[in-house]
PDB file of N, CA and C in Angstrom:
ATOM      1  N   MET A   1    -192.862  32.743 -24.154  1.00  0.00           N
ATOM      2  CA  MET A   1    -191.427  32.692 -24.330  1.00  0.00           C
ATOM      3  C   MET A   1    -190.796  32.459 -22.957  1.00  0.00           C
ATOM      4  N   ILE A   2    -189.799  31.618 -22.911  1.00  0.00           N
ATOM      5  CA  ILE A   2    -189.009  31.375 -21.712  1.00  0.00           C
ATOM      6  C   ILE A   2    -187.569  31.725 -22.040  1.00  0.00           C
ATOM      7  N   ILE A   3    -186.897  32.437 -21.143  1.00  0.00           N
ATOM      8  CA  ILE A   3    -185.515  32.866 -21.370  1.00  0.00           C
ATOM      9  C   ILE A   3    -184.585  32.005 -20.530  1.00  0.00           C
ATOM     10  N   THR A   4    -183.526  31.508 -21.147  1.00  0.00           N
ATOM     11  CA  THR A   4    -182.511  30.738 -20.430  1.00  0.00           C
ATOM     12  C   THR A   4    -181.239  31.569 -20.365  1.00  0.00           C
ATOM     13  N   THR A   5    -180.683  31.701 -19.160  1.00  0.00           N
ATOM     14  CA  THR A   5    -179.467  32.488 -18.974  1.00  0.00           C
ATOM     15  C   THR A   5    -178.340  31.572 -18.508  1.00  0.00           C
ATOM     16  N   GLU A   6    -177.125  31.952 -18.830  1.00  0.00           N
ATOM     17  CA  GLU A   6    -175.944  31.219 -18.369  1.00  0.00           C
ATOM     18  C   GLU A   6    -175.089  32.145 -17.513  1.00  0.00           C
ATOM     19  N   LEU A   7    -174.593  31.615 -16.413  1.00  0.00           N
ATOM     20  CA  LEU A   7    -173.644  32.335 -15.566  1.00  0.00           C
ATOM     21  C   LEU A   7    -172.270  31.771 -15.878  1.00  0.00           C
ATOM     22  N   LYS A   8    -171.330  32.644 -16.218  1.00  0.00           N
ATOM     23  CA  LYS A   8    -169.999  32.200 -16.632  1.00  0.00           C
ATOM     24  C   LYS A   8    -168.913  32.901 -15.832  1.00  0.00           C
ATOM     25  N   THR A   9    -167.808  32.214 -15.678  1.00  0.00           N
ATOM     26  CA  THR A   9    -166.600  32.818 -15.157  1.00  0.00           C
ATOM     27  C   THR A   9    -165.449  32.365 -16.051  1.00  0.00           C
ATOM     28  N   ASP A  10    -164.686  33.293 -16.533  1.00  0.00           N
ATOM     29  CA  ASP A  10    -163.592  32.992 -17.461  1.00  0.00           C
ATOM     30  C   ASP A  10    -164.051  32.144 -18.644  1.00  0.00           C
ATOM     31  N   GLY A  11    -165.281  32.365 -19.107  1.00  0.00           N
ATOM     32  CA  GLY A  11    -165.805  31.644 -20.261  1.00  0.00           C
ATOM     33  C   GLY A  11    -166.376  30.271 -19.944  1.00  0.00           C
ATOM     34  N   THR A  12    -166.257  29.808 -18.711  1.00  0.00           N
ATOM     35  CA  THR A  12    -166.778  28.503 -18.314  1.00  0.00           C
ATOM     36  C   THR A  12    -168.144  28.679 -17.661  1.00  0.00           C
ATOM     37  N   VAL A  13    -169.128  27.910 -18.139  1.00  0.00           N
ATOM     38  CA  VAL A  13    -170.479  27.992 -17.570  1.00  0.00           C
ATOM     39  C   VAL A  13    -170.461  27.390 -16.168  1.00  0.00           C
ATOM     40  N   ILE A  14    -170.915  28.168 -15.185  1.00  0.00           N
ATOM     41  CA  ILE A  14    -170.976  27.681 -13.806  1.00  0.00           C
ATOM     42  C   ILE A  14    -172.414  27.479 -13.340  1.00  0.00           C
ATOM     43  N   GLY A  15    -173.373  27.877 -14.161  1.00  0.00           N
ATOM     44  CA  GLY A  15    -174.774  27.679 -13.819  1.00  0.00           C
ATOM     45  C   GLY A  15    -175.672  28.187 -14.918  1.00  0.00           C
ATOM     46  N   ALA A  16    -176.926  27.748 -14.867  1.00  0.00           N
ATOM     47  CA  ALA A  16    -177.933  28.204 -15.826  1.00  0.00           C
ATOM     48  C   ALA A  16    -179.215  28.484 -15.065  1.00  0.00           C
ATOM     49  N   LEU A  17    -179.982  29.423 -15.568  1.00  0.00           N
ATOM     50  CA  LEU A  17    -181.205  29.839 -14.900  1.00  0.00           C
ATOM     51  C   LEU A  17    -182.270  30.095 -15.956  1.00  0.00           C
ATOM     52  N   THR A  18    -183.492  29.687 -15.669  1.00  0.00           N
ATOM     53  CA  THR A  18    -184.613  29.908 -16.569  1.00  0.00           C
ATOM     54  C   THR A  18    -185.464  31.044 -16.025  1.00  0.00           C
ATOM     55  N   ALA A  19    -185.832  31.982 -16.879  1.00  0.00           N
ATOM     56  CA  ALA A  19    -186.694  33.098 -16.492  1.00  0.00           C
ATOM     57  C   ALA A  19    -188.022  32.967 -17.233  1.00  0.00           C
ATOM     58  N   ASN A  20    -189.097  32.826 -16.473  1.00  0.00           N
ATOM     59  CA  ASN A  20    -190.438  32.675 -17.032  1.00  0.00           C
ATOM     60  C   ASN A  20    -191.147  34.028 -17.082  1.00  0.00           C
ATOM     61  N   PRO A  21    -192.143  34.165 -17.959  1.00  0.00           N
ATOM     62  CA  PRO A  21    -192.911  35.413 -18.025  1.00  0.00           C
ATOM     63  C   PRO A  21    -193.563  35.711 -16.676  1.00  0.00           C
ATOM     64  N   LYS A  22    -193.636  36.992 -16.323  1.00  0.00           N
ATOM     65  CA  LYS A  22    -194.218  37.378 -15.035  1.00  0.00           C
ATOM     66  C   LYS A  22    -194.837  38.761 -15.142  1.00  0.00           C
ATOM     67  N   GLU A  23    -195.973  38.926 -14.473  1.00  0.00           N
ATOM     68  CA  GLU A  23    -196.533  40.266 -14.294  1.00  0.00           C
ATOM     69  C   GLU A  23    -196.260  40.629 -12.844  1.00  0.00           C
ATOM     70  N   PHE A  24    -195.453  41.651 -12.636  1.00  0.00           N
ATOM     71  CA  PHE A  24    -195.029  42.047 -11.305  1.00  0.00           C
ATOM     72  C   PHE A  24    -196.154  42.776 -10.571  1.00  0.00           C
ATOM     73  N   LYS A  25    -196.070  42.829  -9.242  1.00  0.00           N
ATOM     74  CA  LYS A  25    -197.088  43.491  -8.421  1.00  0.00           C
ATOM     75  C   LYS A  25    -197.245  44.964  -8.780  1.00  0.00           C
ATOM     76  N   THR A  26    -196.197  45.538  -9.348  1.00  0.00           N
ATOM     77  CA  THR A  26    -196.235  46.957  -9.735  1.00  0.00           C
ATOM     78  C   THR A  26    -197.086  47.185 -10.983  1.00  0.00           C
ATOM     79  N   GLY A  27    -197.415  46.090 -11.706  1.00  0.00           N
ATOM     80  CA  GLY A  27    -198.156  46.208 -12.953  1.00  0.00           C
ATOM     81  C   GLY A  27    -197.259  46.077 -14.177  1.00  0.00           C
ATOM     82  N   SER A  28    -195.954  46.095 -13.975  1.00  0.00           N
ATOM     83  CA  SER A  28    -195.018  45.924 -15.090  1.00  0.00           C
ATOM     84  C   SER A  28    -194.952  44.458 -15.491  1.00  0.00           C
ATOM     85  N   ARG A  29    -194.573  44.208 -16.747  1.00  0.00           N
ATOM     86  CA  ARG A  29    -194.405  42.850 -17.252  1.00  0.00           C
ATOM     87  C   ARG A  29    -192.932  42.583 -17.514  1.00  0.00           C
ATOM     88  N   GLY A  30    -192.595  41.295 -17.508  1.00  0.00           N
ATOM     89  CA  GLY A  30    -191.227  40.912 -17.811  1.00  0.00           C
ATOM     90  C   GLY A  30    -190.996  39.437 -17.561  1.00  0.00           C
ATOM     91  N   PHE A  31    -189.819  39.113 -17.056  1.00  0.00           N
ATOM     92  CA  PHE A  31    -189.425  37.731 -16.799  1.00  0.00           C
ATOM     93  C   PHE A  31    -188.728  37.658 -15.452  1.00  0.00           C
ATOM     94  N   TYR A  32    -188.855  36.485 -14.787  1.00  0.00           N
ATOM     95  CA  TYR A  32    -188.246  36.314 -13.479  1.00  0.00           C
ATOM     96  C   TYR A  32    -187.839  34.852 -13.305  1.00  0.00           C
ATOM     97  N   GLY A  33    -186.673  34.657 -12.719  1.00  0.00           N
ATOM     98  CA  GLY A  33    -186.221  33.305 -12.412  1.00  0.00           C
ATOM     99  C   GLY A  33    -185.364  33.306 -11.163  1.00  0.00           C
ATOM    100  N   GLN A  34    -185.318  32.156 -10.496  1.00  0.00           N
ATOM    101  CA  GLN A  34    -184.478  32.021  -9.307  1.00  0.00           C
ATOM    102  C   GLN A  34    -183.999  30.582  -9.208  1.00  0.00           C
ATOM    103  N   GLY A  35    -182.902  30.392  -8.502  1.00  0.00           N
ATOM    104  CA  GLY A  35    -182.361  29.055  -8.321  1.00  0.00           C
ATOM    105  C   GLY A  35    -181.148  29.090  -7.416  1.00  0.00           C
ATOM    106  N   LYS A  36    -180.461  27.966  -7.354  1.00  0.00           N
ATOM    107  CA  LYS A  36    -179.253  27.853  -6.537  1.00  0.00           C
ATOM    108  C   LYS A  36    -178.140  27.279  -7.401  1.00  0.00           C
ATOM    109  N   ILE A  37    -176.922  27.776  -7.179  1.00  0.00           N
ATOM    110  CA  ILE A  37    -175.753  27.257  -7.886  1.00  0.00           C
ATOM    111  C   ILE A  37    -174.640  27.030  -6.876  1.00  0.00           C
ATOM    112  N   GLU A  38    -173.641  26.271  -7.292  1.00  0.00           N
ATOM    113  CA  GLU A  38    -172.481  26.016  -6.438  1.00  0.00           C
ATOM    114  C   GLU A  38    -171.232  26.534  -7.136  1.00  0.00           C
ATOM    115  N   ILE A  39    -170.449  27.302  -6.393  1.00  0.00           N
ATOM    116  CA  ILE A  39    -169.189  27.843  -6.897  1.00  0.00           C
ATOM    117  C   ILE A  39    -168.114  27.521  -5.873  1.00  0.00           C
ATOM    118  N   ASP A  40    -167.091  26.805  -6.284  1.00  0.00           N
ATOM    119  CA  ASP A  40    -165.981  26.438  -5.402  1.00  0.00           C
ATOM    120  C   ASP A  40    -166.466  25.835  -4.083  1.00  0.00           C
ATOM    121  N   GLY A  41    -167.460  24.956  -4.161  1.00  0.00           N
ATOM    122  CA  GLY A  41    -167.955  24.269  -2.981  1.00  0.00           C
ATOM    123  C   GLY A  41    -168.911  25.078  -2.115  1.00  0.00           C
ATOM    124  N   LYS A  42    -169.206  26.318  -2.498  1.00  0.00           N
ATOM    125  CA  LYS A  42    -170.139  27.160  -1.743  1.00  0.00           C
ATOM    126  C   LYS A  42    -171.420  27.319  -2.545  1.00  0.00           C
ATOM    127  N   ARG A  43    -172.561  27.257  -1.854  1.00  0.00           N
ATOM    128  CA  ARG A  43    -173.863  27.383  -2.524  1.00  0.00           C
ATOM    129  C   ARG A  43    -174.359  28.823  -2.456  1.00  0.00           C
ATOM    130  N   TYR A  44    -174.963  29.257  -3.550  1.00  0.00           N
ATOM    131  CA  TYR A  44    -175.487  30.621  -3.669  1.00  0.00           C
ATOM    132  C   TYR A  44    -176.919  30.576  -4.202  1.00  0.00           C
ATOM    133  N   GLN A  45    -177.729  31.521  -3.734  1.00  0.00           N
ATOM    134  CA  GLN A  45    -179.046  31.752  -4.314  1.00  0.00           C
ATOM    135  C   GLN A  45    -178.879  32.781  -5.417  1.00  0.00           C
ATOM    136  N   VAL A  46    -179.560  32.559  -6.539  1.00  0.00           N
ATOM    137  CA  VAL A  46    -179.429  33.439  -7.696  1.00  0.00           C
ATOM    138  C   VAL A  46    -180.814  33.850  -8.167  1.00  0.00           C
ATOM    139  N   GLN A  47    -180.957  35.121  -8.532  1.00  0.00           N
ATOM    140  CA  GLN A  47    -182.210  35.622  -9.080  1.00  0.00           C
ATOM    141  C   GLN A  47    -181.909  36.454 -10.319  1.00  0.00           C
ATOM    142  N   ILE A  48    -182.840  36.405 -11.268  1.00  0.00           N
ATOM    143  CA  ILE A  48    -182.735  37.273 -12.436  1.00  0.00           C
ATOM    144  C   ILE A  48    -184.101  37.892 -12.687  1.00  0.00           C
ATOM    145  N   GLN A  49    -184.095  39.170 -13.030  1.00  0.00           N
ATOM    146  CA  GLN A  49    -185.336  39.897 -13.278  1.00  0.00           C
ATOM    147  C   GLN A  49    -185.136  40.770 -14.507  1.00  0.00           C
ATOM    148  N   LEU A  50    -186.027  40.623 -15.460  1.00  0.00           N
ATOM    149  CA  LEU A  50    -186.025  41.471 -16.647  1.00  0.00           C
ATOM    150  C   LEU A  50    -187.373  42.184 -16.672  1.00  0.00           C
ATOM    151  N   VAL A  51    -187.367  43.507 -16.684  1.00  0.00           N
ATOM    152  CA  VAL A  51    -188.605  44.283 -16.678  1.00  0.00           C
ATOM    153  C   VAL A  51    -188.701  45.043 -17.997  1.00  0.00           C
ATOM    154  N   GLU A  52    -189.821  44.853 -18.691  1.00  0.00           N
ATOM    155  CA  GLU A  52    -190.046  45.552 -19.958  1.00  0.00           C
ATOM    156  C   GLU A  52    -190.282  47.028 -19.671  1.00  0.00           C
ATOM    157  N   ILE A  53    -189.437  47.867 -20.227  1.00  0.00           N
ATOM    158  CA  ILE A  53    -189.552  49.311 -20.024  1.00  0.00           C
ATOM    159  C   ILE A  53    -190.841  49.807 -20.668  1.00  0.00           C
ATOM    160  N   GLY A  54    -191.623  50.557 -19.894  1.00  0.00           N
ATOM    161  CA  GLY A  54    -192.874  51.116 -20.399  1.00  0.00           C
ATOM    162  C   GLY A  54    -194.053  50.157 -20.348  1.00  0.00           C
ATOM    163  N   SER A  55    -193.904  49.001 -19.698  1.00  0.00           N
ATOM    164  CA  SER A  55    -194.992  48.019 -19.685  1.00  0.00           C
ATOM    165  C   SER A  55    -196.004  48.244 -18.570  1.00  0.00           C
ATOM    166  N   LYS A  56    -195.709  49.122 -17.641  1.00  0.00           N
ATOM    167  CA  LYS A  56    -196.626  49.372 -16.525  1.00  0.00           C
ATOM    168  C   LYS A  56    -197.846  50.123 -17.031  1.00  0.00           C
ATOM    169  N   LYS A  57    -199.015  49.636 -16.628  1.00  0.00           N
ATOM    170  CA  LYS A  57    -200.257  50.276 -17.054  1.00  0.00           C
ATOM    171  C   LYS A  57    -200.435  51.608 -16.338  1.00  0.00           C
ATOM    172  N   THR A  58    -200.984  52.572 -17.058  1.00  0.00           N
ATOM    173  CA  THR A  58    -201.301  53.858 -16.432  1.00  0.00           C
ATOM    174  C   THR A  58    -202.682  53.761 -15.796  1.00  0.00           C
ATOM    175  N   ALA A  59    -203.054  54.719 -14.997  1.00  0.00           N
ATOM    176  CA  ALA A  59    -204.320  54.694 -14.246  1.00  0.00           C
ATOM    177  C   ALA A  59    -205.539  54.536 -15.160  1.00  0.00           C
ATOM    178  N   GLY A  60    -205.513  55.046 -16.362  1.00  0.00           N
ATOM    179  CA  GLY A  60    -206.667  54.989 -17.269  1.00  0.00           C
ATOM    180  C   GLY A  60    -206.764  53.741 -18.113  1.00  0.00           C
ATOM    181  N   GLU A  61    -205.729  52.914 -18.133  1.00  0.00           N
ATOM    182  CA  GLU A  61    -205.735  51.725 -18.964  1.00  0.00           C
ATOM    183  C   GLU A  61    -206.493  50.585 -18.302  1.00  0.00           C
ATOM    184  N   SER A  62    -207.092  49.725 -19.118  1.00  0.00           N
ATOM    185  CA  SER A  62    -207.793  48.549 -18.590  1.00  0.00           C
ATOM    186  C   SER A  62    -207.049  47.299 -19.048  1.00  0.00           C
ATOM    187  N   ASP A  63    -207.443  46.142 -18.483  1.00  0.00           N
ATOM    188  CA  ASP A  63    -206.807  44.874 -18.821  1.00  0.00           C
ATOM    189  C   ASP A  63    -207.313  44.306 -20.138  1.00  0.00           C
ATOM    190  N   SER A  64    -208.466  44.771 -20.622  1.00  0.00           N
ATOM    191  CA  SER A  64    -209.042  44.209 -21.844  1.00  0.00           C
ATOM    192  C   SER A  64    -208.281  44.685 -23.067  1.00  0.00           C
ATOM    193  N   LYS A  65    -208.162  43.770 -24.035  1.00  0.00           N
ATOM    194  CA  LYS A  65    -207.502  44.100 -25.305  1.00  0.00           C
ATOM    195  C   LYS A  65    -208.568  44.043 -26.382  1.00  0.00           C
ATOM    196  N   GLU A  66    -209.069  45.167 -26.786  1.00  0.00           N
ATOM    197  CA  GLU A  66    -210.165  45.227 -27.754  1.00  0.00           C
ATOM    198  C   GLU A  66    -209.659  45.311 -29.154  1.00  0.00           C
TER     199      GLU A  66
END
């Protein structure tokens, strides 16, 4: 699954960002995306992070799905 987000101001879309699935260094799973947008002639870096609550593996869990 890929998530597409829209950045809006006053209901007008000013940018869009795609968040791809990611396994974070912490062991948690979720989605992450980054990009650049322009607002009123100024450029900005944008990041989005969605972390699934409870997705981090505990010390006793393994990667195999039996």
